[in-house]
Amino acid sequence: EKGIPVSVNGEKLDSVALVTKLNAIGAKHGIGIADIVENRLVG
């Protein structure tokens, strides 16, 4: 709703419950691993 996530599979959830649930689902399927050589601000 207006760019803010509000539900998972039709179930309305508050922010904490929503991210907690997505973490569990995503982790199960190996989602969200990023390996990066990044440029730190300090140079």
All heavy atoms as atom14 arrays in JSON, in Angstrom:
{
  "sequence": "EKGIPVSVNGEKLDSVALVTKLNAIGAKHGIGIADIVENRLVG",
  "atom14_mask": [
    [1, 1, 1, 1, 1, 1, 1, 1, 1, 0, 0, 0, 0, 0],
    [1, 1, 1, 1, 1, 1, 1, 1, 1, 0, 0, 0, 0, 0],
    [1, 1, 1, 1, 0, 0, 0, 0, 0, 0, 0, 0, 0, 0],
    [1, 1, 1, 1, 1, 1, 1, 1, 0, 0, 0, 0, 0, 0],
    [1, 1, 1, 1, 1, 1, 1, 0, 0, 0, 0, 0, 0, 0],
    [1, 1, 1, 1, 1, 1, 1, 0, 0, 0, 0, 0, 0, 0],
    [1, 1, 1, 1, 1, 1, 0, 0, 0, 0, 0, 0, 0, 0],
    [1, 1, 1, 1, 1, 1, 1, 0, 0, 0, 0, 0, 0, 0],
    [1, 1, 1, 1, 1, 1, 1, 1, 0, 0, 0, 0, 0, 0],
    [1, 1, 1, 1, 0, 0, 0, 0, 0, 0, 0, 0, 0, 0],
    [1, 1, 1, 1, 1, 1, 1, 1, 1, 0, 0, 0, 0, 0],
    [1, 1, 1, 1, 1, 1, 1, 1, 1, 0, 0, 0, 0, 0],
    [1, 1, 1, 1, 1, 1, 1, 1, 0, 0, 0, 0, 0, 0],
    [1, 1, 1, 1, 1, 1, 1, 1, 0, 0, 0, 0, 0, 0],
    [1, 1, 1, 1, 1, 1, 0, 0, 0, 0, 0, 0, 0, 0],
    [1, 1, 1, 1, 1, 1, 1, 0, 0, 0, 0, 0, 0, 0],
    [1, 1, 1, 1, 1, 0, 0, 0, 0, 0, 0, 0, 0, 0],
    [1, 1, 1, 1, 1, 1, 1, 1, 0, 0, 0, 0, 0, 0],
    [1, 1, 1, 1, 1, 1, 1, 0, 0, 0, 0, 0, 0, 0],
    [1, 1, 1, 1, 1, 1, 1, 0, 0, 0, 0, 0, 0, 0],
    [1, 1, 1, 1, 1, 1, 1, 1, 1, 0, 0, 0, 0, 0],
    [1, 1, 1, 1, 1, 1, 1, 1, 0, 0, 0, 0, 0, 0],
    [1, 1, 1, 1, 1, 1, 1, 1, 0, 0, 0, 0, 0, 0],
    [1, 1, 1, 1, 1, 0, 0, 0, 0, 0, 0, 0, 0, 0],
    [1, 1, 1, 1, 1, 1, 1, 1, 0, 0, 0, 0, 0, 0],
    [1, 1, 1, 1, 0, 0, 0, 0, 0, 0, 0, 0, 0, 0],
    [1, 1, 1, 1, 1, 0, 0, 0, 0, 0, 0, 0, 0, 0],
    [1, 1, 1, 1, 1, 1, 1, 1, 1, 0, 0, 0, 0, 0],
    [1, 1, 1, 1, 1, 1, 1, 1, 1, 1, 0, 0, 0, 0],
    [1, 1, 1, 1, 0, 0, 0, 0, 0, 0, 0, 0, 0, 0],
    [1, 1, 1, 1, 1, 1, 1, 1, 0, 0, 0, 0, 0, 0],
    [1, 1, 1, 1, 0, 0, 0, 0, 0, 0, 0, 0, 0, 0],
    [1, 1, 1, 1, 1, 1, 1, 1, 0, 0, 0, 0, 0, 0],
    [1, 1, 1, 1, 1, 0, 0, 0, 0, 0, 0, 0, 0, 0],
    [1, 1, 1, 1, 1, 1, 1, 1, 0, 0, 0, 0, 0, 0],
    [1, 1, 1, 1, 1, 1, 1, 1, 0, 0, 0, 0, 0, 0],
    [1, 1, 1, 1, 1, 1, 1, 0, 0, 0, 0, 0, 0, 0],
    [1, 1, 1, 1, 1, 1, 1, 1, 1, 0, 0, 0, 0, 0],
    [1, 1, 1, 1, 1, 1, 1, 1, 0, 0, 0, 0, 0, 0],
    [1, 1, 1, 1, 1, 1, 1, 1, 1, 1, 1, 0, 0, 0],
    [1, 1, 1, 1, 1, 1, 1, 1, 0, 0, 0, 0, 0, 0],
    [1, 1, 1, 1, 1, 1, 1, 0, 0, 0, 0, 0, 0, 0],
    [1, 1, 1, 1, 0, 0, 0, 0, 0, 0, 0, 0, 0, 0]
  ],
  "atom14_positions": [
    [[0.85, -1.18, 0.0], [0.0, 0.0, 0.0], [0.89, 1.23, 0.0], [1.68, 1.44, 0.93], [-0.92, 0.01, 1.23], [-1.97, -1.1, 1.2], [-2.86, -1.09, 2.43], [-2.7, -0.17, 3.28], [-3.71, -2.0, 2.56], [0.0, 0.0, 0.0], [0.0, 0.0, 0.0], [0.0, 0.0, 0.0], [0.0, 0.0, 0.0], [0.0, 0.0, 0.0]],
    [[0.84, 1.99, -1.06], [1.66, 3.19, -1.24], [3.14, 2.9, -1.0], [3.84, 3.65, -0.33], [1.17, 4.32, -0.32], [-0.23, 4.81, -0.67], [-0.65, 6.01, 0.16], [-2.01, 6.52, -0.29], [-2.45, 7.72, 0.47], [0.0, 0.0, 0.0], [0.0, 0.0, 0.0], [0.0, 0.0, 0.0], [0.0, 0.0, 0.0], [0.0, 0.0, 0.0]],
    [[3.59, 1.79, -1.56], [5.0, 1.44, -1.51], [5.44, 0.7, -0.27], [6.59, 0.26, -0.19], [0.0, 0.0, 0.0], [0.0, 0.0, 0.0], [0.0, 0.0, 0.0], [0.0, 0.0, 0.0], [0.0, 0.0, 0.0], [0.0, 0.0, 0.0], [0.0, 0.0, 0.0], [0.0, 0.0, 0.0], [0.0, 0.0, 0.0], [0.0, 0.0, 0.0]],
    [[4.55, 0.54, 0.7], [4.9, -0.12, 1.97], [4.33, -1.53, 1.97], [3.14, -1.72, 1.69], [4.35, 0.69, 3.16], [5.05, 2.05, 3.24], [4.55, -0.08, 4.47], [4.48, 2.98, 4.28], [0.0, 0.0, 0.0], [0.0, 0.0, 0.0], [0.0, 0.0, 0.0], [0.0, 0.0, 0.0], [0.0, 0.0, 0.0], [0.0, 0.0, 0.0]],
    [[5.13, -2.53, 2.29], [4.62, -3.9, 2.34], [3.68, -4.09, 3.52], [3.98, -3.68, 4.64], [5.9, -4.74, 2.5], [6.9, -3.83, 3.11], [6.58, -2.46, 2.59], [0.0, 0.0, 0.0], [0.0, 0.0, 0.0], [0.0, 0.0, 0.0], [0.0, 0.0, 0.0], [0.0, 0.0, 0.0], [0.0, 0.0, 0.0], [0.0, 0.0, 0.0]],
    [[2.55, -4.74, 3.27], [1.54, -4.88, 4.32], [1.03, -6.3, 4.5], [0.39, -6.61, 5.51], [0.34, -3.94, 4.06], [0.75, -2.48, 4.14], [-0.31, -4.25, 2.7], [0.0, 0.0, 0.0], [0.0, 0.0, 0.0], [0.0, 0.0, 0.0], [0.0, 0.0, 0.0], [0.0, 0.0, 0.0], [0.0, 0.0, 0.0], [0.0, 0.0, 0.0]],
    [[1.28, -7.19, 3.53], [0.73, -8.54, 3.67], [1.6, -9.57, 2.98], [2.35, -9.27, 2.04], [-0.69, -8.6, 3.08], [-0.66, -8.41, 1.68], [0.0, 0.0, 0.0], [0.0, 0.0, 0.0], [0.0, 0.0, 0.0], [0.0, 0.0, 0.0], [0.0, 0.0, 0.0], [0.0, 0.0, 0.0], [0.0, 0.0, 0.0], [0.0, 0.0, 0.0]],
    [[1.52, -10.8, 3.49], [2.2, -11.95, 2.91], [1.15, -13.03, 2.67], [0.45, -13.43, 3.6], [3.31, -12.49, 3.83], [3.95, -13.74, 3.22], [4.36, -11.42, 4.1], [0.0, 0.0, 0.0], [0.0, 0.0, 0.0], [0.0, 0.0, 0.0], [0.0, 0.0, 0.0], [0.0, 0.0, 0.0], [0.0, 0.0, 0.0], [0.0, 0.0, 0.0]],
    [[1.02, -13.45, 1.42], [0.03, -14.47, 1.04], [-1.37, -14.12, 1.54], [-2.1, -14.97, 2.05], [0.46, -15.84, 1.55], [1.72, -16.34, 0.87], [1.97, -16.02, -0.3], [2.53, -17.09, 1.6], [0.0, 0.0, 0.0], [0.0, 0.0, 0.0], [0.0, 0.0, 0.0], [0.0, 0.0, 0.0], [0.0, 0.0, 0.0], [0.0, 0.0, 0.0]],
    [[-1.71, -12.84, 1.45], [-3.03, -12.38, 1.82], [-3.22, -12.08, 3.29], [-4.26, -11.55, 3.68], [0.0, 0.0, 0.0], [0.0, 0.0, 0.0], [0.0, 0.0, 0.0], [0.0, 0.0, 0.0], [0.0, 0.0, 0.0], [0.0, 0.0, 0.0], [0.0, 0.0, 0.0], [0.0, 0.0, 0.0], [0.0, 0.0, 0.0], [0.0, 0.0, 0.0]],
    [[-2.24, -12.38, 4.12], [-2.34, -12.15, 5.56], [-1.72, -10.8, 5.92], [-0.54, -10.56, 5.68], [-1.62, -13.26, 6.33], [-1.68, -13.09, 7.84], [-0.85, -14.11, 8.6], [-0.11, -14.89, 7.95], [-0.91, -14.11, 9.85], [0.0, 0.0, 0.0], [0.0, 0.0, 0.0], [0.0, 0.0, 0.0], [0.0, 0.0, 0.0], [0.0, 0.0, 0.0]],
    [[-2.52, -9.91, 6.5], [-2.02, -8.62, 6.94], [-1.09, -8.81, 8.13], [-1.44, -9.49, 9.1], [-3.18, -7.7, 7.35], [-4.06, -7.26, 6.19], [-3.48, -6.05, 5.48], [-4.44, -5.49, 4.45], [-3.91, -4.27, 3.81], [0.0, 0.0, 0.0], [0.0, 0.0, 0.0], [0.0, 0.0, 0.0], [0.0, 0.0, 0.0], [0.0, 0.0, 0.0]],
    [[0.08, -8.18, 8.07], [1.08, -8.32, 9.13], [1.69, -6.97, 9.44], [1.82, -6.11, 8.56], [2.19, -9.29, 8.69], [1.79, -10.75, 8.43], [2.94, -11.49, 7.77], [1.38, -11.43, 9.73], [0.0, 0.0, 0.0], [0.0, 0.0, 0.0], [0.0, 0.0, 0.0], [0.0, 0.0, 0.0], [0.0, 0.0, 0.0], [0.0, 0.0, 0.0]],
    [[2.09, -6.78, 10.71], [2.84, -5.56, 11.03], [4.26, -5.71, 10.5], [4.67, -6.78, 10.03], [2.8, -5.26, 12.52], [3.55, -6.27, 13.38], [4.51, -6.9, 12.89], [3.18, -6.44, 14.56], [0.0, 0.0, 0.0], [0.0, 0.0, 0.0], [0.0, 0.0, 0.0], [0.0, 0.0, 0.0], [0.0, 0.0, 0.0], [0.0, 0.0, 0.0]],
    [[5.03, -4.64, 10.57], [6.35, -4.62, 9.94], [7.28, -5.71, 10.46], [7.97, -6.39, 9.68], [7.0, -3.25, 10.14], [7.09, -2.93, 11.53], [0.0, 0.0, 0.0], [0.0, 0.0, 0.0], [0.0, 0.0, 0.0], [0.0, 0.0, 0.0], [0.0, 0.0, 0.0], [0.0, 0.0, 0.0], [0.0, 0.0, 0.0], [0.0, 0.0, 0.0]],
    [[7.31, -5.9, 11.78], [8.22, -6.87, 12.38], [7.82, -8.29, 11.99], [8.67, -9.11, 11.58], [8.27, -6.71, 13.91], [9.17, -7.78, 14.53], [8.75, -5.31, 14.29], [0.0, 0.0, 0.0], [0.0, 0.0, 0.0], [0.0, 0.0, 0.0], [0.0, 0.0, 0.0], [0.0, 0.0, 0.0], [0.0, 0.0, 0.0], [0.0, 0.0, 0.0]],
    [[6.54, -8.61, 12.11], [6.08, -9.95, 11.75], [6.27, -10.23, 10.27], [6.62, -11.35, 9.87], [4.6, -10.1, 12.12], [0.0, 0.0, 0.0], [0.0, 0.0, 0.0], [0.0, 0.0, 0.0], [0.0, 0.0, 0.0], [0.0, 0.0, 0.0], [0.0, 0.0, 0.0], [0.0, 0.0, 0.0], [0.0, 0.0, 0.0], [0.0, 0.0, 0.0]],
    [[6.08, -9.21, 9.44], [6.21, -9.39, 8.0], [7.65, -9.72, 7.6], [7.91, -10.67, 6.86], [5.73, -8.13, 7.28], [5.67, -8.18, 5.76], [4.45, -7.43, 5.24], [6.94, -7.58, 5.14], [0.0, 0.0, 0.0], [0.0, 0.0, 0.0], [0.0, 0.0, 0.0], [0.0, 0.0, 0.0], [0.0, 0.0, 0.0], [0.0, 0.0, 0.0]],
    [[8.61, -8.94, 8.12], [10.01, -9.19, 7.78], [10.48, -10.51, 8.37], [11.23, -11.27, 7.73], [10.91, -8.02, 8.25], [12.39, -8.36, 8.07], [10.57, -6.75, 7.47], [0.0, 0.0, 0.0], [0.0, 0.0, 0.0], [0.0, 0.0, 0.0], [0.0, 0.0, 0.0], [0.0, 0.0, 0.0], [0.0, 0.0, 0.0], [0.0, 0.0, 0.0]],
    [[10.04, -10.81, 9.58], [10.41, -12.09, 10.2], [9.92, -13.27, 9.36], [10.66, -14.24, 9.14], [9.82, -12.18, 11.62], [10.31, -11.09, 12.41], [10.2, -13.49, 12.28], [0.0, 0.0, 0.0], [0.0, 0.0, 0.0], [0.0, 0.0, 0.0], [0.0, 0.0, 0.0], [0.0, 0.0, 0.0], [0.0, 0.0, 0.0], [0.0, 0.0, 0.0]],
    [[8.7, -13.17, 8.86], [8.15, -14.26, 8.04], [8.89, -14.37, 6.72], [9.23, -15.48, 6.27], [6.66, -14.02, 7.8], [5.98, -15.16, 7.05], [4.46, -15.07, 7.18], [3.8, -16.31, 6.6], [2.35, -16.34, 6.89], [0.0, 0.0, 0.0], [0.0, 0.0, 0.0], [0.0, 0.0, 0.0], [0.0, 0.0, 0.0], [0.0, 0.0, 0.0]],
    [[9.17, -13.24, 6.08], [9.88, -13.27, 4.81], [11.3, -13.77, 4.97], [11.84, -14.45, 4.09], [9.88, -11.89, 4.17], [8.54, -11.4, 3.62], [8.7, -10.01, 3.01], [7.97, -12.37, 2.59], [0.0, 0.0, 0.0], [0.0, 0.0, 0.0], [0.0, 0.0, 0.0], [0.0, 0.0, 0.0], [0.0, 0.0, 0.0], [0.0, 0.0, 0.0]],
    [[11.93, -13.44, 6.09], [13.27, -13.96, 6.36], [13.27, -15.48, 6.38], [14.15, -16.14, 5.81], [13.81, -13.42, 7.68], [14.39, -12.02, 7.56], [14.75, -11.58, 6.47], [14.47, -11.32, 8.68], [0.0, 0.0, 0.0], [0.0, 0.0, 0.0], [0.0, 0.0, 0.0], [0.0, 0.0, 0.0], [0.0, 0.0, 0.0], [0.0, 0.0, 0.0]],
    [[12.28, -16.04, 7.06], [12.2, -17.5, 7.17], [11.96, -18.15, 5.81], [12.61, -19.14, 5.45], [11.1, -17.89, 8.15], [0.0, 0.0, 0.0], [0.0, 0.0, 0.0], [0.0, 0.0, 0.0], [0.0, 0.0, 0.0], [0.0, 0.0, 0.0], [0.0, 0.0, 0.0], [0.0, 0.0, 0.0], [0.0, 0.0, 0.0], [0.0, 0.0, 0.0]],
    [[11.04, -17.57, 5.03], [10.73, -18.14, 3.72], [11.92, -17.99, 2.78], [12.32, -18.93, 2.08], [9.48, -17.46, 3.13], [8.25, -17.76, 3.99], [9.24, -17.94, 1.69], [7.01, -16.96, 3.59], [0.0, 0.0, 0.0], [0.0, 0.0, 0.0], [0.0, 0.0, 0.0], [0.0, 0.0, 0.0], [0.0, 0.0, 0.0], [0.0, 0.0, 0.0]],
    [[12.5, -16.79, 2.74], [13.63, -16.55, 1.85], [14.85, -17.37, 2.22], [15.54, -17.91, 1.34], [0.0, 0.0, 0.0], [0.0, 0.0, 0.0], [0.0, 0.0, 0.0], [0.0, 0.0, 0.0], [0.0, 0.0, 0.0], [0.0, 0.0, 0.0], [0.0, 0.0, 0.0], [0.0, 0.0, 0.0], [0.0, 0.0, 0.0], [0.0, 0.0, 0.0]],
    [[15.12, -17.48, 3.52], [16.28, -18.26, 3.97], [16.16, -19.72, 3.56], [17.14, -20.36, 3.15], [16.42, -18.14, 5.48], [0.0, 0.0, 0.0], [0.0, 0.0, 0.0], [0.0, 0.0, 0.0], [0.0, 0.0, 0.0], [0.0, 0.0, 0.0], [0.0, 0.0, 0.0], [0.0, 0.0, 0.0], [0.0, 0.0, 0.0], [0.0, 0.0, 0.0]],
    [[14.96, -20.24, 3.65], [14.71, -21.64, 3.26], [15.14, -21.89, 1.81], [15.71, -22.95, 1.5], [13.22, -21.93, 3.43], [12.77, -23.29, 2.93], [11.25, -23.41, 3.09], [10.71, -24.68, 2.44], [9.22, -24.74, 2.52], [0.0, 0.0, 0.0], [0.0, 0.0, 0.0], [0.0, 0.0, 0.0], [0.0, 0.0, 0.0], [0.0, 0.0, 0.0]],
    [[14.93, -20.92, 0.94], [15.19, -21.1, -0.49], [16.51, -20.47, -0.95], [16.74, -20.32, -2.15], [14.03, -20.54, -1.3], [12.76, -21.32, -1.13], [12.52, -22.52, -1.76], [11.67, -21.1, -0.33], [11.34, -22.99, -1.4], [10.8, -22.14, -0.53], [0.0, 0.0, 0.0], [0.0, 0.0, 0.0], [0.0, 0.0, 0.0], [0.0, 0.0, 0.0]],
    [[17.36, -20.09, 0.0], [18.68, -19.56, -0.37], [18.64, -18.2, -1.02], [19.51, -17.85, -1.83], [0.0, 0.0, 0.0], [0.0, 0.0, 0.0], [0.0, 0.0, 0.0], [0.0, 0.0, 0.0], [0.0, 0.0, 0.0], [0.0, 0.0, 0.0], [0.0, 0.0, 0.0], [0.0, 0.0, 0.0], [0.0, 0.0, 0.0], [0.0, 0.0, 0.0]],
    [[17.64, -17.39, -0.66], [17.46, -16.06, -1.25], [18.28, -15.02, -0.49], [18.41, -15.08, 0.73], [15.98, -15.65, -1.22], [15.09, -16.69, -1.91], [15.77, -14.26, -1.84], [15.38, -16.89, -3.36], [0.0, 0.0, 0.0], [0.0, 0.0, 0.0], [0.0, 0.0, 0.0], [0.0, 0.0, 0.0], [0.0, 0.0, 0.0], [0.0, 0.0, 0.0]],
    [[18.82, -14.05, -1.21], [19.37, -12.86, -0.57], [20.83, -12.9, -0.21], [21.28, -12.11, 0.64], [0.0, 0.0, 0.0], [0.0, 0.0, 0.0], [0.0, 0.0, 0.0], [0.0, 0.0, 0.0], [0.0, 0.0, 0.0], [0.0, 0.0, 0.0], [0.0, 0.0, 0.0], [0.0, 0.0, 0.0], [0.0, 0.0, 0.0], [0.0, 0.0, 0.0]],
    [[21.63, -13.75, -0.82], [23.08, -13.75, -0.57], [23.74, -12.79, -1.56], [23.55, -12.89, -2.77], [23.67, -15.16, -0.73], [23.11, -16.1, 0.34], [25.19, -15.12, -0.66], [23.5, -17.55, 0.17], [0.0, 0.0, 0.0], [0.0, 0.0, 0.0], [0.0, 0.0, 0.0], [0.0, 0.0, 0.0], [0.0, 0.0, 0.0], [0.0, 0.0, 0.0]],
    [[24.53, -11.85, -1.04], [25.25, -10.9, -1.88], [26.71, -10.88, -1.47], [27.03, -10.69, -0.3], [24.64, -9.5, -1.76], [0.0, 0.0, 0.0], [0.0, 0.0, 0.0], [0.0, 0.0, 0.0], [0.0, 0.0, 0.0], [0.0, 0.0, 0.0], [0.0, 0.0, 0.0], [0.0, 0.0, 0.0], [0.0, 0.0, 0.0], [0.0, 0.0, 0.0]],
    [[27.58, -11.07, -2.42], [29.03, -11.05, -2.21], [29.56, -9.88, -3.01], [29.5, -9.87, -4.23], [29.62, -12.38, -2.69], [31.13, -12.5, -2.45], [31.76, -11.48, -2.11], [31.66, -13.61, -2.6], [0.0, 0.0, 0.0], [0.0, 0.0, 0.0], [0.0, 0.0, 0.0], [0.0, 0.0, 0.0], [0.0, 0.0, 0.0], [0.0, 0.0, 0.0]],
    [[30.09, -8.86, -2.33], [30.47, -7.63, -3.02], [31.8, -7.09, -2.51], [32.06, -7.08, -1.3], [29.37, -6.54, -2.88], [29.81, -5.21, -3.51], [28.98, -6.34, -1.43], [28.74, -4.13, -3.53], [0.0, 0.0, 0.0], [0.0, 0.0, 0.0], [0.0, 0.0, 0.0], [0.0, 0.0, 0.0], [0.0, 0.0, 0.0], [0.0, 0.0, 0.0]],
    [[32.65, -6.66, -3.43], [33.83, -5.85, -3.1], [33.38, -4.4, -3.26], [33.25, -3.9, -4.37], [35.02, -6.18, -4.01], [36.21, -5.27, -3.66], [35.43, -7.65, -3.86], [0.0, 0.0, 0.0], [0.0, 0.0, 0.0], [0.0, 0.0, 0.0], [0.0, 0.0, 0.0], [0.0, 0.0, 0.0], [0.0, 0.0, 0.0], [0.0, 0.0, 0.0]],
    [[33.11, -3.76, -2.14], [32.5, -2.42, -2.17], [33.51, -1.33, -1.88], [34.58, -1.57, -1.3], [31.36, -2.36, -1.16], [31.81, -2.4, 0.28], [30.71, -2.73, 1.26], [30.06, -3.79, 1.11], [30.51, -1.94, 2.2], [0.0, 0.0, 0.0], [0.0, 0.0, 0.0], [0.0, 0.0, 0.0], [0.0, 0.0, 0.0], [0.0, 0.0, 0.0]],
    [[33.15, -0.13, -2.28], [33.99, 1.05, -2.01], [33.54, 1.7, -0.71], [32.47, 2.3, -0.64], [33.86, 2.05, -3.16], [34.54, 1.57, -4.43], [35.76, 1.48, -4.47], [33.75, 1.23, -5.43], [0.0, 0.0, 0.0], [0.0, 0.0, 0.0], [0.0, 0.0, 0.0], [0.0, 0.0, 0.0], [0.0, 0.0, 0.0], [0.0, 0.0, 0.0]],
    [[34.36, 1.55, 0.32], [34.05, 2.22, 1.58], [34.16, 3.73, 1.42], [34.94, 4.23, 0.61], [35.01, 1.77, 2.68], [34.75, 0.4, 3.25], [35.7, 0.1, 4.39], [35.49, -1.24, 4.93], [36.26, -1.8, 5.85], [37.3, -1.14, 6.35], [36.0, -3.02, 6.28], [0.0, 0.0, 0.0], [0.0, 0.0, 0.0], [0.0, 0.0, 0.0]],
    [[33.42, 4.44, 2.23], [33.47, 5.9, 2.22], [34.86, 6.41, 2.54], [35.31, 7.41, 1.99], [32.45, 6.45, 3.23], [32.46, 7.96, 3.47], [32.13, 8.71, 2.18], [31.48, 8.33, 4.56], [0.0, 0.0, 0.0], [0.0, 0.0, 0.0], [0.0, 0.0, 0.0], [0.0, 0.0, 0.0], [0.0, 0.0, 0.0], [0.0, 0.0, 0.0]],
    [[35.59, 5.7, 3.42], [36.9, 6.17, 3.87], [38.0, 5.91, 2.86], [39.17, 6.19, 3.14], [37.28, 5.55, 5.24], [36.35, 6.06, 6.33], [37.23, 4.02, 5.17], [0.0, 0.0, 0.0], [0.0, 0.0, 0.0], [0.0, 0.0, 0.0], [0.0, 0.0, 0.0], [0.0, 0.0, 0.0], [0.0, 0.0, 0.0], [0.0, 0.0, 0.0]],
    [[37.67, 5.38, 1.68], [38.64, 5.35, 0.61], [39.17, 4.01, 0.16], [39.82, 3.92, -0.88], [0.0, 0.0, 0.0], [0.0, 0.0, 0.0], [0.0, 0.0, 0.0], [0.0, 0.0, 0.0], [0.0, 0.0, 0.0], [0.0, 0.0, 0.0], [0.0, 0.0, 0.0], [0.0, 0.0, 0.0], [0.0, 0.0, 0.0], [0.0, 0.0, 0.0]]
  ]
}
